[in-house]
Amino acid sequence: SYDPDTSDCSHFEDAGVMCLELEPECNNTDIRLVGGNDYTEGRVEVCVDGVWGTVCDDLWGVDDAAVACKKLGLEYTGAVAYGSAYFGVGSGPIVLDNVGCTGNE
């Protein structure tokens, strides 16, 4: 409690806090896009064993991009595939490589 008669506080001593954002929980095979300008683009990350990880761009192409968009509930016709960490490098483990989707998944 604060008692103005006995306290030596002033507004120059106001307390503050900075909290860290919690990492969203994930279930196996969840997918998300990170580092884009909005929810329709970004680095592809997949949940494996409860941990978000990245996808290596080896063999990554339009069919893979279309499947990712479809899994996210986004329009997948005309999806564009990017590689070479176009949306920035990830920090978690690399969980998939040589994905090779056919587009029918």
Protein backbone atom coordinates (compact mmCIF):
# COMPACT_ATOMS: atom_id res chain seq x y z
CA SER A 1 0.00 0.00 0.00
CA TYR A 2 1.03 3.61 -0.38
CA ASP A 3 0.89 6.21 2.36
CA PRO A 4 1.83 9.68 1.09
CA ASP A 5 2.63 10.80 4.64
CA THR A 6 5.33 8.17 5.23
CA SER A 7 6.57 7.24 1.75
CA ASP A 8 9.49 8.91 0.01
CA CYS A 9 8.37 7.79 -3.50
CA SER A 10 7.83 10.08 -6.45
CA HIS A 11 6.80 9.35 -10.03
CA PHE A 12 10.48 9.22 -10.95
CA GLU A 13 10.43 5.84 -9.19
CA ASP A 14 7.43 4.34 -11.03
CA ALA A 15 7.92 0.61 -11.61
CA GLY A 16 7.82 -1.03 -15.04
CA VAL A 17 8.05 -4.47 -16.58
CA MET A 18 8.90 -6.07 -19.91
CA CYS A 19 7.48 -9.56 -20.41
CA LEU A 20 8.61 -12.11 -22.96
CA GLU A 21 6.08 -13.49 -25.40
CA LEU A 22 5.35 -17.16 -24.82
CA GLU A 23 6.24 -19.54 -27.64
CA PRO A 24 2.92 -20.92 -28.87
CA GLU A 25 2.46 -24.60 -28.16
CA CYS A 26 2.45 -26.85 -31.16
CA ASN A 27 1.13 -30.27 -32.07
CA ASN A 28 2.96 -32.60 -34.42
CA THR A 29 2.54 -31.59 -38.06
CA ASP A 30 1.29 -28.07 -37.20
CA ILE A 31 2.71 -25.57 -39.66
CA ARG A 32 3.27 -21.81 -39.46
CA LEU A 33 4.83 -18.98 -41.46
CA VAL A 34 7.33 -16.72 -39.69
CA GLY A 35 9.08 -13.51 -40.73
CA GLY A 36 6.75 -12.39 -43.52
CA ASN A 37 4.85 -9.15 -43.87
CA ASP A 38 1.56 -10.86 -42.96
CA TYR A 39 0.06 -14.29 -42.28
CA THR A 40 0.22 -15.34 -45.97
CA GLU A 41 4.01 -15.42 -46.29
CA GLY A 42 7.10 -16.34 -44.34
CA ARG A 43 9.64 -18.98 -43.47
CA VAL A 44 7.95 -22.37 -43.20
CA GLU A 45 8.17 -23.93 -39.75
CA VAL A 46 6.77 -27.32 -38.78
CA CYS A 47 6.11 -28.79 -35.34
CA VAL A 48 7.92 -32.06 -34.61
CA ASP A 49 7.80 -33.61 -31.14
CA GLY A 50 6.40 -30.38 -29.67
CA VAL A 51 9.18 -28.17 -31.07
CA TRP A 52 9.00 -25.70 -33.95
CA GLY A 53 11.66 -26.30 -36.59
CA THR A 54 12.51 -25.14 -40.08
CA VAL A 55 12.34 -26.80 -43.48
CA CYS A 56 15.47 -27.02 -45.65
CA ASP A 57 14.99 -25.66 -49.17
CA ASP A 58 16.59 -28.69 -50.90
CA LEU A 59 14.03 -29.82 -53.52
CA TRP A 60 11.58 -27.17 -52.21
CA GLY A 61 9.32 -26.07 -55.04
CA VAL A 62 5.89 -24.86 -56.10
CA ASP A 63 4.13 -28.12 -55.18
CA ASP A 64 5.60 -27.96 -51.66
CA ALA A 65 4.56 -24.32 -51.31
CA ALA A 66 1.03 -25.17 -52.49
CA VAL A 67 0.70 -27.95 -49.91
CA ALA A 68 1.94 -25.62 -47.15
CA CYS A 69 -0.62 -22.96 -48.14
CA LYS A 70 -3.39 -25.56 -48.34
CA LYS A 71 -2.54 -26.90 -44.86
CA LEU A 72 -2.76 -23.33 -43.52
CA GLY A 73 -6.21 -22.90 -45.09
CA LEU A 74 -4.91 -20.32 -47.57
CA GLU A 75 -5.32 -20.07 -51.34
CA TYR A 76 -2.77 -22.45 -52.81
CA THR A 77 -3.25 -21.95 -56.55
CA GLY A 78 -0.34 -19.79 -57.67
CA ALA A 79 1.67 -20.36 -54.49
CA VAL A 80 5.28 -19.18 -54.76
CA ALA A 81 8.22 -21.13 -53.32
CA TYR A 82 11.20 -19.27 -51.84
CA GLY A 83 14.55 -20.63 -50.71
CA SER A 84 17.89 -19.38 -49.42
CA ALA A 85 16.37 -18.11 -46.15
CA TYR A 86 14.40 -15.47 -48.08
CA PHE A 87 12.33 -14.70 -44.95
CA GLY A 88 15.27 -14.88 -42.56
CA VAL A 89 17.10 -17.72 -40.89
CA GLY A 90 15.37 -19.80 -38.24
CA SER A 91 16.66 -20.53 -34.76
CA GLY A 92 15.23 -23.96 -34.02
CA PRO A 93 16.24 -27.32 -35.44
CA ILE A 94 15.93 -28.15 -39.13
CA VAL A 95 13.18 -30.79 -39.07
CA LEU A 96 12.53 -31.51 -42.76
CA ASP A 97 14.74 -31.82 -45.84
CA ASN A 98 14.10 -32.97 -49.42
CA VAL A 99 10.34 -32.60 -48.88
CA GLY A 100 9.17 -33.43 -52.41
CA CYS A 101 5.40 -32.93 -52.23
CA THR A 102 3.34 -33.90 -55.27
CA GLY A 103 0.64 -31.31 -54.66
CA ASN A 104 -2.05 -33.89 -53.84
CA GLU A 105 -1.34 -34.10 -50.12
